[in-house]
Structure formats: C-alpha cells, structure tokens
Amino acid sequence: MNKIINYILSKLIGVKRRYKSVLDAGESKFLPNFSIIKNRVNGIQKERVQIGNQCLLGTTIILEGDTSKVKIGDRVYMGNSSIICKSSVSFGNDILVAWGVVFYDHDSHSLDYRFRDEDVKQTYIDYVNEKGNYLKNKNWNVVNSLPIVIEDHAWIGAESMILKGVTIGKGAIVGARSVVTKDVPPFTVVAGNPAKVVKVLDIQQ
C-alpha cells in the first residue's frame, strides 16, 4: 500500500480501530509507517497480533497463515522493519529494533524445486483470479516454519535478518546487517553472515 495512503488511513481511523479484527494493543504508539497485512490462505481466521504498553512501533507486520501469531511485550521500540510470520514471532520487554530489520519465521518455499515450480504457477493464477491475493491457495504444507523468540533487553542492529527457529537471548546484541541463523546466547554480541559471537558482555545478569 502507498505509504501516504497508509498514513492517512491510520490517522483518520486510528491504528487500533483499523486493525481491530486481528490487533489487541495496550497503551502504545504507532509511527506513520506501521501496518498489518493479512496474506491469508483458505481457512478460519485466527491470526492475532498482541502488543503491550509503552511501545513505539513503525513496523510492517505480514501475517501469512490463518493461525499466525505476533506478540510484542512492553516498552519495545521497533523502527521501519518487517515481521513476516506464518507461525509465531514473539518479543519480550524492553527491546530495541533498528530500521530495516526483517524477522522471517519460514523458508517461504520448499527446498524441492518441483514444489517451487508449482508455487510460481499458483501464484500467477491466484493473482489473476483472487483480486491480487497471490498467496490465496499457496501450499504451506511443504514450507518449513519455526517460531522466533526475542527475549528481554535485546538490541537488534539495522538491516539484520532473523531467520526461522532463532531465539535471541536476554540482553543480547545483534550487529548491523547480520544474518542470524542460530540461537544467540544471553548477554553476547553477534555479528556477520552467518552471525557468530564476537563478544561476551560483562553485565550483571
């Protein structure tokens, strides 16, 4: 959606009212670029986004499954970043996320090229026949997905990518432009592609 239109709609309607079918939010604030996109497949709508108190969010949340769940705790700042969720992405409390970060809890496509070929065909058919919803009949059964967990006091640097099944430990720091494919221990600094521990923080736990 055009950023200007998104901003105007959220201003006129209000974020909580605009997304009331999927959003439960406490006393938090939303930056102009905040949005929730529902790329639903067939099934009963059960997607949910839960947001706590005193958060400031400029995030695009993309729900790609009927049961996608995104949970954000209290006092979370998240810049112009993206959460792409098929199963579950959860954040604790007191977390900083810079701009350009992507949280991606699935592989998007199968590792088997035959299923990817079918994806391409189905995407085109759905785009033509389903008013642009090119994921309407996507076969998610062949796509690997695992929850992402970001624990309290973590800091995620700009333009990083956090992939499926990863837990970022309490107080950990992810350096800018890192690609995180494995769990990050609490109170460590990781960086690189793939991200590796570069420092252990001497902090009272």
Protein backbone atom coordinates (compact mmCIF):
# COMPACT_ATOMS: atom_id res chain seq x y z
CA MET A 1 0.00 0.00 0.00
CA ASN A 2 1.16 3.51 -0.76
CA LYS A 3 2.85 4.97 2.33
CA ILE A 4 0.88 8.20 2.14
CA ILE A 5 -2.45 6.36 1.91
CA ASN A 6 -1.42 4.10 4.79
CA TYR A 7 -0.56 7.12 6.91
CA ILE A 8 -3.84 8.90 6.11
CA LEU A 9 -5.96 5.82 6.87
CA SER A 10 -4.26 5.24 10.20
CA LYS A 11 -4.64 8.92 11.11
CA LEU A 12 -8.31 9.09 10.17
CA ILE A 13 -9.41 5.73 11.53
CA GLY A 14 -6.78 5.05 14.19
CA VAL A 15 -4.50 2.01 14.22
CA LYS A 16 -6.42 0.06 16.86
CA ARG A 17 -9.74 0.57 15.14
CA ARG A 18 -8.35 -0.02 11.66
CA TYR A 19 -6.88 -3.42 12.58
CA LYS A 20 -9.38 -4.42 15.28
CA SER A 21 -10.08 -7.79 13.64
CA VAL A 22 -6.55 -9.01 14.45
CA LEU A 23 -4.99 -6.49 16.86
CA ASP A 24 -5.04 -6.38 20.67
CA ALA A 25 -2.95 -3.43 21.85
CA GLY A 26 -2.32 -1.72 25.17
CA GLU A 27 -1.24 1.89 25.68
CA SER A 28 1.26 2.05 22.84
CA LYS A 29 2.01 4.45 19.98
CA PHE A 30 2.39 3.80 16.27
CA LEU A 31 4.66 5.56 13.78
CA PRO A 32 3.18 6.58 10.40
CA ASN A 33 4.53 3.55 8.54
CA PHE A 34 3.02 0.95 10.92
CA SER A 35 0.78 -1.54 9.12
CA ILE A 36 -0.63 -5.05 9.30
CA ILE A 37 -1.01 -7.03 6.09
CA LYS A 38 -3.03 -10.24 6.02
CA ASN A 39 -1.98 -12.60 3.24
CA ARG A 40 -4.48 -15.24 4.29
CA VAL A 41 -4.81 -18.66 2.79
CA ASN A 42 -8.04 -20.66 2.98
CA GLY A 43 -9.37 -21.44 6.42
CA ILE A 44 -10.83 -19.90 9.54
CA GLN A 45 -9.32 -16.56 10.53
CA LYS A 46 -7.33 -16.98 13.73
CA GLU A 47 -4.39 -14.65 13.20
CA ARG A 48 -3.59 -12.38 16.15
CA VAL A 49 -1.24 -9.50 16.89
CA GLN A 50 -0.78 -8.68 20.58
CA ILE A 51 1.05 -5.52 21.66
CA GLY A 52 1.75 -4.43 25.23
CA ASN A 53 2.21 -0.99 26.77
CA GLN A 54 4.56 1.92 26.08
CA CYS A 55 5.74 0.54 22.74
CA LEU A 56 6.66 2.75 19.79
CA LEU A 57 6.31 0.82 16.55
CA GLY A 58 6.94 1.65 12.90
CA THR A 59 6.72 -1.94 11.76
CA THR A 60 5.09 -3.75 8.87
CA ILE A 61 3.60 -6.99 10.16
CA ILE A 62 2.78 -9.52 7.44
CA LEU A 63 0.56 -12.41 8.55
CA GLU A 64 0.98 -15.26 6.07
CA GLY A 65 -1.04 -18.02 7.73
CA ASP A 66 -4.51 -18.44 9.16
CA THR A 67 -3.03 -19.00 12.63
CA SER A 68 -0.10 -16.54 12.53
CA LYS A 69 0.66 -15.02 15.93
CA VAL A 70 2.83 -11.98 16.66
CA LYS A 71 3.29 -10.98 20.30
CA ILE A 72 5.14 -7.82 21.38
CA GLY A 73 5.69 -7.10 25.08
CA ASP A 74 6.08 -3.79 26.91
CA ARG A 75 8.46 -0.92 26.10
CA VAL A 76 9.52 -2.19 22.70
CA TYR A 77 10.87 0.25 20.10
CA MET A 78 10.85 -1.00 16.54
CA GLY A 79 11.79 1.21 13.61
CA ASN A 80 10.82 0.76 9.96
CA SER A 81 11.26 -3.03 9.99
CA SER A 82 9.28 -6.10 8.90
CA ILE A 83 7.84 -9.12 10.69
CA ILE A 84 6.91 -11.88 8.23
CA CYS A 85 5.01 -14.51 10.18
CA LYS A 86 3.49 -17.85 9.26
CA SER A 87 3.54 -19.43 12.71
CA SER A 88 4.87 -17.31 15.60
CA VAL A 89 7.15 -14.34 16.28
CA SER A 90 7.34 -13.09 19.88
CA PHE A 91 9.17 -10.27 21.64
CA GLY A 92 9.71 -9.82 25.37
CA ASN A 93 10.05 -6.47 27.14
CA ASP A 94 12.48 -3.54 26.83
CA ILE A 95 13.70 -4.36 23.33
CA LEU A 96 15.29 -2.12 20.69
CA VAL A 97 14.95 -2.96 17.00
CA ALA A 98 16.55 -0.58 14.49
CA TRP A 99 15.30 0.15 10.96
CA GLY A 100 15.44 -2.29 8.07
CA VAL A 101 15.38 -5.44 10.22
CA VAL A 102 13.50 -8.49 8.87
CA PHE A 103 12.09 -11.27 11.07
CA TYR A 104 11.23 -14.25 8.86
CA ASP A 105 9.81 -17.35 10.55
CA HIS A 106 9.65 -19.62 7.49
CA ASP A 107 11.51 -20.62 4.31
CA SER A 108 8.88 -19.08 2.01
CA HIS A 109 9.19 -22.01 -0.43
CA SER A 110 10.02 -25.71 -0.42
CA LEU A 111 13.57 -26.97 -0.81
CA ASP A 112 12.20 -29.25 -3.54
CA TYR A 113 12.21 -27.46 -6.91
CA ARG A 114 9.06 -29.30 -8.01
CA PHE A 115 7.03 -27.63 -5.27
CA ARG A 116 8.65 -24.27 -6.09
CA ASP A 117 7.59 -24.69 -9.71
CA GLU A 118 4.01 -25.26 -8.53
CA ASP A 119 4.30 -22.15 -6.33
CA VAL A 120 5.14 -20.00 -9.32
CA LYS A 121 2.19 -21.36 -11.32
CA GLN A 122 -0.27 -21.00 -8.43
CA THR A 123 0.96 -17.50 -7.58
CA TYR A 124 0.15 -16.33 -11.11
CA ILE A 125 -3.29 -18.00 -11.12
CA ASP A 126 -4.19 -16.51 -7.74
CA TYR A 127 -3.01 -13.04 -8.70
CA VAL A 128 -5.29 -13.11 -11.73
CA ASN A 129 -8.31 -14.74 -10.10
CA GLU A 130 -8.21 -13.65 -6.43
CA LYS A 131 -8.11 -9.84 -6.71
CA GLY A 132 -4.33 -9.76 -6.33
CA ASN A 133 -4.13 -12.14 -3.34
CA TYR A 134 -1.35 -14.24 -4.85
CA LEU A 135 -0.99 -16.38 -1.70
CA LYS A 136 -4.67 -17.40 -1.51
CA ASN A 137 -4.03 -21.03 -2.46
CA LYS A 138 -0.36 -21.39 -1.60
CA ASN A 139 0.64 -24.86 -0.37
CA TRP A 140 2.15 -24.10 3.03
CA ASN A 141 2.36 -27.80 3.94
CA VAL A 142 5.71 -28.10 2.15
CA VAL A 143 7.25 -24.96 3.72
CA ASN A 144 9.40 -25.23 6.85
CA SER A 145 8.44 -22.82 9.63
CA LEU A 146 9.66 -22.42 13.23
CA PRO A 147 8.92 -19.76 15.88
CA ILE A 148 11.20 -16.80 16.50
CA VAL A 149 11.70 -15.57 20.08
CA ILE A 150 13.35 -12.28 21.07
CA GLU A 151 13.99 -12.16 24.82
CA ASP A 152 14.01 -9.15 27.17
CA HIS A 153 16.56 -6.32 26.75
CA ALA A 154 17.79 -7.46 23.32
CA TRP A 155 19.03 -4.95 20.73
CA ILE A 156 18.83 -5.78 17.01
CA GLY A 157 21.03 -3.65 14.74
CA ALA A 158 19.96 -2.07 11.45
CA GLU A 159 19.27 -4.21 8.36
CA SER A 160 19.73 -7.51 10.15
CA MET A 161 17.76 -10.62 9.27
CA ILE A 162 16.48 -13.02 11.94
CA LEU A 163 15.52 -16.38 10.45
CA LYS A 164 13.16 -19.17 11.49
CA GLY A 165 13.67 -21.05 14.77
CA VAL A 166 16.03 -18.47 16.27
CA THR A 167 15.97 -17.31 19.89
CA ILE A 168 17.82 -14.08 20.69
CA GLY A 169 18.80 -14.39 24.35
CA LYS A 170 18.24 -11.89 27.13
CA GLY A 171 20.35 -8.75 26.81
CA ALA A 172 22.00 -9.92 23.57
CA ILE A 173 23.06 -7.55 20.78
CA VAL A 174 22.90 -8.32 17.06
CA GLY A 175 25.29 -6.19 15.00
CA ALA A 176 24.04 -4.28 11.97
CA ARG A 177 23.47 -6.28 8.76
CA SER A 178 23.87 -9.62 10.49
CA VAL A 179 22.08 -12.75 9.28
CA VAL A 180 21.08 -14.78 12.34
CA THR A 181 20.50 -18.48 11.64
CA LYS A 182 21.16 -19.95 15.11
CA ASP A 183 20.27 -19.08 18.70
CA VAL A 184 22.13 -16.16 20.26
CA PRO A 185 23.23 -16.76 23.88
CA PRO A 186 22.15 -14.22 26.52
CA PHE A 187 24.46 -11.21 27.06
CA THR A 188 26.57 -11.76 23.96
CA VAL A 189 27.24 -9.68 20.83
CA VAL A 190 26.91 -11.44 17.48
CA ALA A 191 27.75 -10.13 14.02
CA GLY A 192 28.29 -11.29 10.45
CA ASN A 193 26.73 -13.63 7.91
CA PRO A 194 26.12 -16.09 9.37
CA ALA A 195 26.18 -14.28 12.72
CA LYS A 196 28.74 -15.51 15.26
CA VAL A 197 29.58 -14.49 18.81
CA VAL A 198 32.19 -11.71 18.79
CA LYS A 199 31.95 -10.62 22.40
CA VAL A 200 30.59 -11.72 25.78
CA LEU A 201 29.13 -8.82 27.72
CA ASP A 202 30.32 -8.32 31.28
CA ILE A 203 26.91 -7.36 32.64
CA GLN A 204 25.16 -8.28 35.85
CA GLN A 205 22.53 -10.82 34.82
